[in-house]
Each structure stands twice: as C-alpha cells, then as structure tokens.
Amino acid sequence: MDDWFLFDQGSSEYIYLLNSTRRTTPSWAGRDAPHPDGPLYKLKKYYAWDKRHKLIVDVPRSGDSAPQYIFIPELQRLIPGISGTSPAPGMFMLDRCET
C-alpha cells in the first residue's frame, strides 16, 4: 500500500495530513484539481510529542529532529478495511531515524 502525505497547518492550531496528488511521491501539484483519493485519504489529524512529552505544534520540516511520539487517531479505524490487519491505536514511538 503506497500513499504519500503532506502536512498542512494553515492558520489552525492543528496539523493535518493531506493525501499527495501523486501516489508515488509527495506533491502539491494540482491540489485544487480533482484527483483520485488514496486508500488512506481519510487520515486527517497528526499529533507529535518530543522526549519530554511536550506537544510539537509546528509542521515537520526537512532537517528537524524527528518526534519521539506520533499519534494518528484515524489510522486504527482505516487499516483493517484496507489490509485485513489490525494495528495498534495509531501511536508510534521513535525507534531510529535514518537520513
């Protein structure tokens, strides 16, 4: 299952995941034009915390430190219908970060 997401915050206090308009690479190209939704298009909210459990309120950018924890609330509800597996509740802890 391939899907790329872009981070969007705008003027909101929340960070959202938006499907890339290209299924194989992250892209904003043609965002306003109709494009097919990927299997995880309903993923929306993204939360991240650092090692001290402080909420990270900025959109991730290349070169930033990776968050220690990530929570994607809709993930557990969407994955079983796509893959037949049942993941944990969409909470991830950093294992390693490779560049």
Protein backbone atom coordinates (compact mmCIF):
# COMPACT_ATOMS: atom_id res chain seq x y z
CA MET A 1 0.00 0.00 0.00
CA ASP A 2 1.62 3.24 -1.14
CA ASP A 3 0.37 6.63 -0.05
CA TRP A 4 2.19 9.90 0.46
CA PHE A 5 1.02 12.66 2.74
CA LEU A 6 1.73 16.34 3.07
CA PHE A 7 1.48 18.27 6.31
CA ASP A 8 -0.87 21.23 6.43
CA GLN A 9 -1.48 23.65 9.26
CA GLY A 10 -2.55 26.93 7.69
CA SER A 11 -3.77 29.23 10.45
CA SER A 12 -5.07 26.33 12.55
CA GLU A 13 -3.54 25.11 15.77
CA TYR A 14 -3.83 21.55 14.45
CA ILE A 15 -1.60 19.76 11.96
CA TYR A 16 -3.41 17.80 9.26
CA LEU A 17 -2.30 15.11 6.83
CA LEU A 18 -3.36 15.63 3.22
CA ASN A 19 -3.04 12.99 0.52
CA SER A 20 -0.41 13.82 -2.06
CA THR A 21 -1.83 14.34 -5.53
CA ARG A 22 0.68 11.74 -6.73
CA ARG A 23 0.54 8.27 -5.22
CA THR A 24 4.30 7.65 -5.62
CA THR A 25 5.82 10.94 -4.38
CA PRO A 26 4.82 13.82 -2.12
CA SER A 27 3.37 16.58 -4.30
CA TRP A 28 1.14 19.66 -4.01
CA ALA A 29 0.84 19.86 -7.80
CA GLY A 30 -2.79 20.08 -8.86
CA ARG A 31 -4.07 20.07 -5.27
CA ASP A 32 -7.21 22.01 -6.28
CA ALA A 33 -7.92 19.82 -9.30
CA PRO A 34 -9.89 16.57 -8.93
CA HIS A 35 -7.59 13.63 -8.22
CA PRO A 36 -8.23 10.07 -7.02
CA ASP A 37 -8.15 9.52 -3.29
CA GLY A 38 -5.63 7.05 -1.92
CA PRO A 39 -6.69 4.26 0.45
CA LEU A 40 -5.80 6.36 3.48
CA TYR A 41 -7.38 9.61 2.30
CA LYS A 42 -9.46 9.88 5.50
CA LEU A 43 -6.39 10.29 7.67
CA LYS A 44 -6.54 13.84 8.89
CA LYS A 45 -5.10 14.67 12.28
CA TYR A 46 -1.45 14.34 13.23
CA TYR A 47 -0.07 14.82 16.75
CA ALA A 48 3.58 14.63 17.77
CA TRP A 49 5.49 14.90 21.07
CA ASP A 50 9.14 15.28 21.95
CA LYS A 51 11.11 13.23 24.52
CA ARG A 52 9.81 15.40 27.36
CA HIS A 53 6.22 14.71 26.25
CA LYS A 54 5.82 18.30 25.06
CA LEU A 55 3.36 18.65 22.18
CA ILE A 56 5.06 19.69 18.93
CA VAL A 57 2.86 22.35 17.36
CA ASP A 58 4.93 23.08 14.24
CA VAL A 59 4.63 21.29 10.91
CA PRO A 60 7.58 18.89 10.44
CA ARG A 61 10.25 20.17 8.06
CA SER A 62 13.27 18.57 6.47
CA GLY A 63 16.21 18.85 8.86
CA ASP A 64 14.06 18.98 12.02
CA SER A 65 14.58 16.42 14.76
CA ALA A 66 12.17 13.52 14.49
CA PRO A 67 9.43 13.48 17.12
CA GLN A 68 9.69 10.85 19.84
CA TYR A 69 5.97 10.00 19.58
CA ILE A 70 3.41 10.32 16.79
CA PHE A 71 -0.33 9.74 17.09
CA ILE A 72 -2.63 9.43 14.06
CA PRO A 73 -6.11 8.80 15.55
CA GLU A 74 -7.90 7.59 12.40
CA LEU A 75 -5.24 5.00 11.49
CA GLN A 76 -6.61 2.10 13.57
CA ARG A 77 -10.07 2.52 12.09
CA LEU A 78 -8.89 2.67 8.45
CA ILE A 79 -6.18 0.00 8.18
CA PRO A 80 -8.31 -3.14 8.86
CA GLY A 81 -10.58 -2.32 5.91
CA ILE A 82 -7.60 -1.91 3.60
CA SER A 83 -5.13 -4.60 4.64
CA GLY A 84 -7.08 -7.01 6.86
CA THR A 85 -4.63 -6.39 9.71
CA SER A 86 -5.50 -4.73 12.99
CA PRO A 87 -2.81 -2.26 14.08
CA ALA A 88 -2.36 -0.64 17.46
CA PRO A 89 -4.28 2.60 18.00
CA GLY A 90 -2.12 4.70 15.65
CA MET A 91 0.52 5.60 18.26
CA PHE A 92 4.16 5.32 17.26
CA MET A 93 7.39 5.70 19.24
CA LEU A 94 10.65 6.62 17.51
CA ASP A 95 12.88 3.57 17.08
CA ARG A 96 15.58 5.14 14.90
CA CYS A 97 15.99 7.95 12.43
CA GLU A 98 17.96 7.41 9.23
CA THR A 99 18.89 10.14 6.81
